[in-house]
Amino acid sequence: MHIITSIIEIEPYAITVVFDNKEQRKINFEPIISDFPILKKPGVFSTVKLDDYPTLKWDGLARMKELDGPILPPPLDFSPDMLYQLSENT
């Protein structure tokens, strides 16, 4: 299992990170960005942060409905293992 320890650089639809194995890798979101159109909005992609897991997250971009009806805005995040597979060594 991979864990992201820091964000180095944020570019349009690409993020360079350091994984727990000390590898610095660039994650290209181009292959999956069409599945998450909210990330295409100007200024949204660059609001990425590390969460407590840690993996990359965007606050309040997902939507989740509680059993009793209210819709909550949890963060949009991705499996760090999937992000590792999408990434390349820099």
N, C-alpha and C. Protein backbone atom coordinates (compact mmCIF):
# COMPACT_ATOMS: atom_id res chain seq x y z
N MET A 1 0.84 -1.18 0.00
CA MET A 1 0.00 0.00 0.00
C MET A 1 0.89 1.24 0.00
N HIS A 2 0.49 2.23 -0.76
CA HIS A 2 1.24 3.47 -0.87
C HIS A 2 0.55 4.60 -0.09
N ILE A 3 1.38 5.50 0.41
CA ILE A 3 0.88 6.67 1.12
C ILE A 3 1.59 7.89 0.57
N ILE A 4 0.85 8.97 0.36
CA ILE A 4 1.44 10.21 -0.12
C ILE A 4 1.87 11.01 1.11
N THR A 5 3.15 11.44 1.12
CA THR A 5 3.65 12.17 2.28
C THR A 5 3.70 13.67 2.05
N SER A 6 3.78 14.12 0.80
CA SER A 6 3.78 15.57 0.56
C SER A 6 3.44 15.88 -0.90
N ILE A 7 2.94 17.09 -1.08
CA ILE A 7 2.67 17.62 -2.42
C ILE A 7 3.83 18.55 -2.76
N ILE A 8 4.43 18.34 -3.92
CA ILE A 8 5.57 19.15 -4.37
C ILE A 8 5.12 20.27 -5.30
N GLU A 9 4.29 19.91 -6.29
CA GLU A 9 3.89 20.90 -7.30
C GLU A 9 2.50 20.55 -7.83
N ILE A 10 1.73 21.61 -8.09
CA ILE A 10 0.39 21.44 -8.68
C ILE A 10 0.39 22.17 -10.01
N GLU A 11 0.10 21.44 -11.07
CA GLU A 11 -0.01 21.99 -12.42
C GLU A 11 -1.43 21.74 -12.90
N PRO A 12 -1.81 22.31 -14.04
CA PRO A 12 -3.13 21.97 -14.57
C PRO A 12 -3.24 20.46 -14.84
N TYR A 13 -4.06 19.80 -14.04
CA TYR A 13 -4.38 18.38 -14.17
C TYR A 13 -3.21 17.43 -13.94
N ALA A 14 -2.19 17.88 -13.22
CA ALA A 14 -1.07 17.03 -12.81
C ALA A 14 -0.56 17.52 -11.46
N ILE A 15 -0.20 16.56 -10.61
CA ILE A 15 0.30 16.89 -9.28
C ILE A 15 1.54 16.05 -9.02
N THR A 16 2.62 16.68 -8.62
CA THR A 16 3.84 15.98 -8.25
C THR A 16 3.84 15.80 -6.74
N VAL A 17 4.05 14.56 -6.31
CA VAL A 17 3.98 14.21 -4.89
C VAL A 17 5.18 13.36 -4.50
N VAL A 18 5.35 13.18 -3.19
CA VAL A 18 6.31 12.23 -2.66
C VAL A 18 5.52 11.14 -1.96
N PHE A 19 5.84 9.89 -2.30
CA PHE A 19 5.21 8.74 -1.65
C PHE A 19 6.07 8.28 -0.47
N ASP A 20 5.52 7.44 0.38
CA ASP A 20 6.23 7.00 1.57
C ASP A 20 7.50 6.21 1.28
N ASN A 21 7.67 5.71 0.07
CA ASN A 21 8.90 5.01 -0.31
C ASN A 21 9.96 5.99 -0.80
N LYS A 22 9.72 7.29 -0.61
CA LYS A 22 10.62 8.40 -0.97
C LYS A 22 10.65 8.71 -2.46
N GLU A 23 9.81 8.04 -3.25
CA GLU A 23 9.74 8.33 -4.68
C GLU A 23 8.99 9.63 -4.92
N GLN A 24 9.56 10.48 -5.76
CA GLN A 24 8.86 11.69 -6.21
C GLN A 24 8.24 11.32 -7.55
N ARG A 25 6.91 11.45 -7.63
CA ARG A 25 6.20 11.00 -8.83
C ARG A 25 5.17 12.04 -9.24
N LYS A 26 4.93 12.12 -10.54
CA LYS A 26 3.93 13.03 -11.09
C LYS A 26 2.68 12.23 -11.44
N ILE A 27 1.54 12.68 -10.89
CA ILE A 27 0.26 12.03 -11.15
C ILE A 27 -0.45 12.84 -12.24
N ASN A 28 -0.73 12.19 -13.35
CA ASN A 28 -1.43 12.83 -14.46
C ASN A 28 -2.92 12.47 -14.35
N PHE A 29 -3.75 13.47 -14.11
CA PHE A 29 -5.18 13.25 -13.96
C PHE A 29 -5.93 13.30 -15.30
N GLU A 30 -5.23 13.58 -16.40
CA GLU A 30 -5.89 13.66 -17.71
C GLU A 30 -6.73 12.41 -18.03
N PRO A 31 -6.23 11.19 -17.75
CA PRO A 31 -7.03 10.01 -18.10
C PRO A 31 -8.35 9.88 -17.34
N ILE A 32 -8.47 10.52 -16.17
CA ILE A 32 -9.69 10.35 -15.37
C ILE A 32 -10.47 11.64 -15.15
N ILE A 33 -9.95 12.76 -15.61
CA ILE A 33 -10.58 14.05 -15.32
C ILE A 33 -11.99 14.16 -15.90
N SER A 34 -12.26 13.46 -16.99
CA SER A 34 -13.60 13.53 -17.58
C SER A 34 -14.65 12.88 -16.67
N ASP A 35 -14.22 11.99 -15.78
CA ASP A 35 -15.14 11.37 -14.82
C ASP A 35 -15.45 12.29 -13.63
N PHE A 36 -14.68 13.36 -13.48
CA PHE A 36 -14.84 14.29 -12.36
C PHE A 36 -14.84 15.73 -12.89
N PRO A 37 -15.90 16.12 -13.63
CA PRO A 37 -15.91 17.42 -14.29
C PRO A 37 -15.75 18.61 -13.35
N ILE A 38 -16.08 18.46 -12.08
CA ILE A 38 -15.91 19.55 -11.12
C ILE A 38 -14.44 19.97 -11.04
N LEU A 39 -13.52 19.03 -11.24
CA LEU A 39 -12.09 19.34 -11.17
C LEU A 39 -11.61 20.16 -12.37
N LYS A 40 -12.43 20.24 -13.42
CA LYS A 40 -12.06 21.03 -14.60
C LYS A 40 -12.36 22.52 -14.42
N LYS A 41 -13.17 22.85 -13.41
CA LYS A 41 -13.52 24.26 -13.21
C LYS A 41 -12.26 25.05 -12.85
N PRO A 42 -12.16 26.28 -13.39
CA PRO A 42 -10.98 27.10 -13.09
C PRO A 42 -10.79 27.28 -11.58
N GLY A 43 -9.57 27.04 -11.14
CA GLY A 43 -9.23 27.24 -9.74
C GLY A 43 -9.56 26.09 -8.82
N VAL A 44 -10.37 25.14 -9.22
CA VAL A 44 -10.77 24.04 -8.33
C VAL A 44 -9.65 23.01 -8.20
N PHE A 45 -9.05 22.60 -9.30
CA PHE A 45 -8.02 21.55 -9.26
C PHE A 45 -6.88 21.95 -8.31
N SER A 46 -6.52 23.21 -8.31
CA SER A 46 -5.38 23.68 -7.51
C SER A 46 -5.67 23.76 -6.01
N THR A 47 -6.91 23.47 -5.58
CA THR A 47 -7.24 23.50 -4.15
C THR A 47 -6.95 22.17 -3.45
N VAL A 48 -6.28 21.26 -4.12
CA VAL A 48 -5.96 19.94 -3.57
C VAL A 48 -5.15 20.07 -2.28
N LYS A 49 -5.40 19.12 -1.37
CA LYS A 49 -4.69 19.05 -0.08
C LYS A 49 -4.41 17.58 0.23
N LEU A 50 -3.58 17.37 1.25
CA LEU A 50 -3.42 16.02 1.80
C LEU A 50 -4.41 15.85 2.93
N ASP A 51 -5.07 14.70 2.97
CA ASP A 51 -5.96 14.44 4.11
C ASP A 51 -5.22 13.61 5.15
N ASP A 52 -5.91 13.16 6.17
CA ASP A 52 -5.29 12.42 7.26
C ASP A 52 -4.89 11.00 6.89
N TYR A 53 -5.38 10.49 5.75
CA TYR A 53 -5.13 9.09 5.40
C TYR A 53 -3.67 8.77 5.20
N PRO A 54 -2.78 9.41 4.55
CA PRO A 54 -2.95 10.58 3.69
C PRO A 54 -3.01 10.23 2.20
N THR A 55 -3.92 10.93 1.56
CA THR A 55 -4.03 10.88 0.11
C THR A 55 -4.48 12.26 -0.34
N LEU A 56 -4.63 12.45 -1.63
CA LEU A 56 -5.06 13.75 -2.15
C LEU A 56 -6.56 13.90 -1.97
N LYS A 57 -6.98 15.13 -1.60
CA LYS A 57 -8.41 15.38 -1.44
C LYS A 57 -8.74 16.80 -1.89
N TRP A 58 -9.99 16.96 -2.28
CA TRP A 58 -10.57 18.27 -2.59
C TRP A 58 -11.78 18.41 -1.68
N ASP A 59 -11.76 19.39 -0.80
CA ASP A 59 -12.83 19.57 0.18
C ASP A 59 -14.18 19.87 -0.47
N GLY A 60 -15.21 19.17 0.01
CA GLY A 60 -16.59 19.47 -0.33
C GLY A 60 -17.02 19.22 -1.77
N LEU A 61 -16.27 18.45 -2.53
CA LEU A 61 -16.63 18.27 -3.95
C LEU A 61 -17.44 17.01 -4.22
N ALA A 62 -17.46 16.08 -3.31
CA ALA A 62 -18.28 14.87 -3.50
C ALA A 62 -19.66 15.15 -2.93
N ARG A 63 -20.59 14.28 -3.20
CA ARG A 63 -21.94 14.40 -2.64
C ARG A 63 -22.34 13.05 -2.07
N MET A 64 -22.86 13.08 -0.84
CA MET A 64 -23.27 11.86 -0.17
C MET A 64 -24.59 12.13 0.52
N LYS A 65 -25.53 11.22 0.33
CA LYS A 65 -26.84 11.39 0.96
C LYS A 65 -26.92 10.52 2.21
N GLU A 66 -27.28 11.15 3.32
CA GLU A 66 -27.51 10.43 4.58
C GLU A 66 -28.79 9.61 4.46
N LEU A 67 -28.93 8.61 5.30
CA LEU A 67 -30.14 7.77 5.28
C LEU A 67 -31.40 8.57 5.56
N ASP A 68 -31.29 9.61 6.38
CA ASP A 68 -32.47 10.41 6.71
C ASP A 68 -32.71 11.56 5.73
N GLY A 69 -31.92 11.63 4.66
CA GLY A 69 -32.21 12.58 3.61
C GLY A 69 -31.24 13.70 3.32
N PRO A 70 -30.56 14.30 4.32
CA PRO A 70 -29.70 15.44 3.98
C PRO A 70 -28.52 15.03 3.10
N ILE A 71 -28.15 15.92 2.23
CA ILE A 71 -26.99 15.70 1.36
C ILE A 71 -25.79 16.39 1.99
N LEU A 72 -24.71 15.63 2.17
CA LEU A 72 -23.48 16.13 2.78
C LEU A 72 -22.41 16.35 1.70
N PRO A 73 -21.53 17.32 1.91
CA PRO A 73 -20.44 17.54 0.94
C PRO A 73 -19.10 16.99 1.45
N PRO A 74 -18.89 15.67 1.44
CA PRO A 74 -17.60 15.15 1.89
C PRO A 74 -16.51 15.48 0.87
N PRO A 75 -15.26 15.28 1.25
CA PRO A 75 -14.19 15.55 0.29
C PRO A 75 -14.18 14.52 -0.83
N LEU A 76 -13.70 14.95 -1.97
CA LEU A 76 -13.43 14.04 -3.09
C LEU A 76 -12.00 13.59 -2.92
N ASP A 77 -11.79 12.29 -2.78
CA ASP A 77 -10.43 11.78 -2.64
C ASP A 77 -10.25 10.52 -3.47
N PHE A 78 -9.01 10.09 -3.58
CA PHE A 78 -8.66 8.95 -4.42
C PHE A 78 -7.76 8.00 -3.64
N SER A 79 -7.86 6.73 -3.95
CA SER A 79 -6.98 5.73 -3.36
C SER A 79 -5.53 6.07 -3.70
N PRO A 80 -4.65 6.10 -2.70
CA PRO A 80 -3.25 6.39 -3.01
C PRO A 80 -2.61 5.31 -3.89
N ASP A 81 -3.08 4.07 -3.79
CA ASP A 81 -2.56 3.02 -4.67
C ASP A 81 -2.93 3.30 -6.13
N MET A 82 -4.16 3.73 -6.36
CA MET A 82 -4.57 4.08 -7.72
C MET A 82 -3.75 5.26 -8.23
N LEU A 83 -3.52 6.26 -7.37
CA LEU A 83 -2.73 7.42 -7.77
C LEU A 83 -1.30 7.01 -8.09
N TYR A 84 -0.76 6.07 -7.34
CA TYR A 84 0.59 5.58 -7.63
C TYR A 84 0.63 4.93 -9.02
N GLN A 85 -0.39 4.15 -9.34
CA GLN A 85 -0.45 3.51 -10.66
C GLN A 85 -0.57 4.52 -11.79
N LEU A 86 -1.25 5.64 -11.54
CA LEU A 86 -1.39 6.69 -12.56
C LEU A 86 -0.12 7.53 -12.71
N SER A 87 0.79 7.43 -11.75
CA SER A 87 1.93 8.34 -11.70
C SER A 87 3.16 7.79 -12.43
N GLU A 88 4.09 8.73 -12.65
CA GLU A 88 5.38 8.39 -13.27
C GLU A 88 6.49 9.01 -12.43
N ASN A 89 7.65 8.35 -12.41
CA ASN A 89 8.81 8.93 -11.73
C ASN A 89 9.20 10.25 -12.37
N THR A 90 9.61 11.20 -11.54
CA THR A 90 10.08 12.48 -12.09
C THR A 90 11.58 12.59 -11.97
